Amino acid sequence: MNGLRGMAWLLVFQSVGELLSRGLSLPLPGPVLGMMLMLAGLRFEVVRKPVAECATFLLTHLSLLFVPVGVGVMTHLALLGQYGGRMLVIIALSTWIGLAVTALVLYWPDRKREA
């Protein structure tokens, strides 16, 4: 029963975040605002306990979310055979570029402070 209450809390926070984002024309997406609101709400036991139970349930069944990916790969296996090598190179390069940019962004403020 707490799992359903936890799901309800998740939906409430996301809905309120969407309403705030759209209603106030904020530059942040509604789900991000909802997560920020939920973070504040987790201070209260009435929110924390059901959300924790719901999160535990979702995490134990996380593998089910990958089933559609497997179906997509099998459906387009010919394309993967044709473009798989190029896709692998692009995915690897974009991952490394993303990591490098993240490291630079995190390192940059420390460099400015030292100067």
C-alpha atoms as a PDB file:
ATOM      1  CA  MET A   1       0.000   0.000   0.000  1.00  0.00           C
ATOM      2  CA  ASN A   2       2.873   2.390   0.750  1.00  0.00           C
ATOM      3  CA  GLY A   3       4.176   1.724  -2.756  1.00  0.00           C
ATOM      4  CA  LEU A   4       0.999   3.201  -4.231  1.00  0.00           C
ATOM      5  CA  ARG A   5       1.259   6.186  -1.893  1.00  0.00           C
ATOM      6  CA  GLY A   6       4.867   6.609  -2.974  1.00  0.00           C
ATOM      7  CA  MET A   7       3.837   6.569  -6.635  1.00  0.00           C
ATOM      8  CA  ALA A   8       1.154   9.131  -5.824  1.00  0.00           C
ATOM      9  CA  TRP A   9       3.740  11.387  -4.183  1.00  0.00           C
ATOM     10  CA  LEU A  10       6.017  11.070  -7.236  1.00  0.00           C
ATOM     11  CA  LEU A  11       3.154  12.024  -9.549  1.00  0.00           C
ATOM     12  CA  VAL A  12       2.097  14.924  -7.320  1.00  0.00           C
ATOM     13  CA  PHE A  13       5.604  16.380  -7.230  1.00  0.00           C
ATOM     14  CA  GLN A  14       6.032  16.006 -10.986  1.00  0.00           C
ATOM     15  CA  SER A  15       2.610  17.568 -11.648  1.00  0.00           C
ATOM     16  CA  VAL A  16       3.297  20.516  -9.368  1.00  0.00           C
ATOM     17  CA  GLY A  17       6.688  20.967 -11.047  1.00  0.00           C
ATOM     18  CA  GLU A  18       5.007  20.974 -14.477  1.00  0.00           C
ATOM     19  CA  LEU A  19       2.393  23.472 -13.316  1.00  0.00           C
ATOM     20  CA  LEU A  20       5.035  25.799 -11.886  1.00  0.00           C
ATOM     21  CA  SER A  21       7.275  25.507 -14.920  1.00  0.00           C
ATOM     22  CA  ARG A  22       4.548  26.181 -17.453  1.00  0.00           C
ATOM     23  CA  GLY A  23       2.477  28.554 -15.353  1.00  0.00           C
ATOM     24  CA  LEU A  24       5.396  30.810 -14.451  1.00  0.00           C
ATOM     25  CA  SER A  25       7.250  30.292 -17.780  1.00  0.00           C
ATOM     26  CA  LEU A  26      10.334  29.120 -15.940  1.00  0.00           C
ATOM     27  CA  PRO A  27      13.393  27.987 -17.924  1.00  0.00           C
ATOM     28  CA  LEU A  28      13.543  24.700 -15.963  1.00  0.00           C
ATOM     29  CA  PRO A  29      11.672  21.569 -17.076  1.00  0.00           C
ATOM     30  CA  GLY A  30       8.741  20.532 -14.899  1.00  0.00           C
ATOM     31  CA  PRO A  31      10.249  17.166 -13.883  1.00  0.00           C
ATOM     32  CA  VAL A  32      13.395  18.924 -12.642  1.00  0.00           C
ATOM     33  CA  LEU A  33      11.318  21.290 -10.519  1.00  0.00           C
ATOM     34  CA  GLY A  34       9.292  18.321  -9.314  1.00  0.00           C
ATOM     35  CA  MET A  35      12.466  16.516  -8.246  1.00  0.00           C
ATOM     36  CA  MET A  36      13.625  19.610  -6.380  1.00  0.00           C
ATOM     37  CA  LEU A  37      10.278  19.785  -4.613  1.00  0.00           C
ATOM     38  CA  MET A  38      10.464  16.081  -3.819  1.00  0.00           C
ATOM     39  CA  LEU A  39      13.939  16.549  -2.367  1.00  0.00           C
ATOM     40  CA  ALA A  40      12.481  19.130   0.004  1.00  0.00           C
ATOM     41  CA  GLY A  41       9.500  16.868   0.720  1.00  0.00           C
ATOM     42  CA  LEU A  42      11.734  13.934   1.658  1.00  0.00           C
ATOM     43  CA  ARG A  43      12.454  15.702   4.939  1.00  0.00           C
ATOM     44  CA  PHE A  44       9.016  14.591   6.110  1.00  0.00           C
ATOM     45  CA  GLU A  45       8.359  10.996   7.144  1.00  0.00           C
ATOM     46  CA  VAL A  46       4.903  11.006   5.522  1.00  0.00           C
ATOM     47  CA  VAL A  47       6.639  11.483   2.146  1.00  0.00           C
ATOM     48  CA  ARG A  48       9.949   9.725   2.737  1.00  0.00           C
ATOM     49  CA  LYS A  49       8.673   6.291   3.760  1.00  0.00           C
ATOM     50  CA  PRO A  50       6.235   5.666   0.855  1.00  0.00           C
ATOM     51  CA  VAL A  51       8.643   7.134  -1.710  1.00  0.00           C
ATOM     52  CA  ALA A  52      11.449   4.896  -0.408  1.00  0.00           C
ATOM     53  CA  GLU A  53       9.239   1.822  -0.713  1.00  0.00           C
ATOM     54  CA  CYS A  54       8.181   2.801  -4.238  1.00  0.00           C
ATOM     55  CA  ALA A  55      11.804   3.488  -5.247  1.00  0.00           C
ATOM     56  CA  THR A  56      12.890   0.103  -3.906  1.00  0.00           C
ATOM     57  CA  PHE A  57      10.190  -1.614  -5.946  1.00  0.00           C
ATOM     58  CA  LEU A  58      11.135   0.300  -9.120  1.00  0.00           C
ATOM     59  CA  LEU A  59      14.837  -0.451  -8.663  1.00  0.00           C
ATOM     60  CA  THR A  60      14.233  -4.182  -8.204  1.00  0.00           C
ATOM     61  CA  HIS A  61      12.354  -4.240 -11.522  1.00  0.00           C
ATOM     62  CA  LEU A  62      14.663  -1.873 -13.395  1.00  0.00           C
ATOM     63  CA  SER A  63      15.698  -4.577 -15.863  1.00  0.00           C
ATOM     64  CA  LEU A  64      12.176  -4.543 -17.344  1.00  0.00           C
ATOM     65  CA  LEU A  65      12.843  -1.045 -18.665  1.00  0.00           C
ATOM     66  CA  PHE A  66      15.532  -2.480 -20.954  1.00  0.00           C
ATOM     67  CA  VAL A  67      13.187  -4.918 -22.706  1.00  0.00           C
ATOM     68  CA  PRO A  68      12.059  -2.289 -25.288  1.00  0.00           C
ATOM     69  CA  VAL A  69      15.708  -1.574 -26.106  1.00  0.00           C
ATOM     70  CA  GLY A  70      16.343  -5.263 -26.767  1.00  0.00           C
ATOM     71  CA  VAL A  71      13.279  -5.474 -29.000  1.00  0.00           C
ATOM     72  CA  GLY A  72      14.439  -2.399 -30.917  1.00  0.00           C
ATOM     73  CA  VAL A  73      17.891  -3.860 -31.440  1.00  0.00           C
ATOM     74  CA  MET A  74      16.467  -7.145 -32.703  1.00  0.00           C
ATOM     75  CA  THR A  75      14.029  -5.322 -35.008  1.00  0.00           C
ATOM     76  CA  HIS A  76      16.789  -3.260 -36.594  1.00  0.00           C
ATOM     77  CA  LEU A  77      19.551  -5.869 -36.489  1.00  0.00           C
ATOM     78  CA  ALA A  78      20.317  -5.381 -40.192  1.00  0.00           C
ATOM     79  CA  LEU A  79      20.967  -1.669 -39.633  1.00  0.00           C
ATOM     80  CA  LEU A  80      23.141  -2.502 -36.658  1.00  0.00           C
ATOM     81  CA  GLY A  81      25.171  -4.852 -38.846  1.00  0.00           C
ATOM     82  CA  GLN A  82      25.519  -2.158 -41.515  1.00  0.00           C
ATOM     83  CA  TYR A  83      26.274   0.816 -39.270  1.00  0.00           C
ATOM     84  CA  GLY A  84      27.318  -0.873 -36.022  1.00  0.00           C
ATOM     85  CA  GLY A  85      31.014  -0.039 -36.275  1.00  0.00           C
ATOM     86  CA  ARG A  86      30.363   3.624 -36.954  1.00  0.00           C
ATOM     87  CA  MET A  87      27.784   3.768 -34.171  1.00  0.00           C
ATOM     88  CA  LEU A  88      30.249   2.248 -31.714  1.00  0.00           C
ATOM     89  CA  VAL A  89      32.919   4.828 -32.636  1.00  0.00           C
ATOM     90  CA  ILE A  90      30.442   7.718 -32.329  1.00  0.00           C
ATOM     91  CA  ILE A  91      29.097   6.482 -28.981  1.00  0.00           C
ATOM     92  CA  ALA A  92      32.620   6.016 -27.605  1.00  0.00           C
ATOM     93  CA  LEU A  93      33.783   9.435 -28.832  1.00  0.00           C
ATOM     94  CA  SER A  94      30.711  11.261 -27.573  1.00  0.00           C
ATOM     95  CA  THR A  95      31.059   9.569 -24.172  1.00  0.00           C
ATOM     96  CA  TRP A  96      34.695  10.606 -23.886  1.00  0.00           C
ATOM     97  CA  ILE A  97      33.928  14.144 -25.051  1.00  0.00           C
ATOM     98  CA  GLY A  98      31.103  14.387 -22.515  1.00  0.00           C
ATOM     99  CA  LEU A  99      33.403  13.189 -19.733  1.00  0.00           C
ATOM    100  CA  ALA A 100      36.127  15.633 -20.775  1.00  0.00           C
ATOM    101  CA  VAL A 101      33.728  18.588 -20.875  1.00  0.00           C
ATOM    102  CA  THR A 102      32.319  17.615 -17.479  1.00  0.00           C
ATOM    103  CA  ALA A 103      35.817  17.370 -15.997  1.00  0.00           C
ATOM    104  CA  LEU A 104      36.783  20.753 -17.452  1.00  0.00           C
ATOM    105  CA  VAL A 105      33.614  22.410 -16.180  1.00  0.00           C
ATOM    106  CA  LEU A 106      34.180  20.998 -12.703  1.00  0.00           C
ATOM    107  CA  TYR A 107      37.889  21.892 -12.778  1.00  0.00           C
ATOM    108  CA  TRP A 108      37.463  25.420 -14.197  1.00  0.00           C
ATOM    109  CA  PRO A 109      36.147  27.169 -11.026  1.00  0.00           C
ATOM    110  CA  ASP A 110      39.083  25.823  -8.986  1.00  0.00           C
ATOM    111  CA  ARG A 111      41.565  27.204 -11.521  1.00  0.00           C
ATOM    112  CA  LYS A 112      39.926  30.641 -11.448  1.00  0.00           C
ATOM    113  CA  ARG A 113      40.029  30.669  -7.633  1.00  0.00           C
ATOM    114  CA  GLU A 114      43.757  29.843  -7.580  1.00  0.00           C
ATOM    115  CA  ALA A 115      44.642  32.688  -9.964  1.00  0.00           C
END
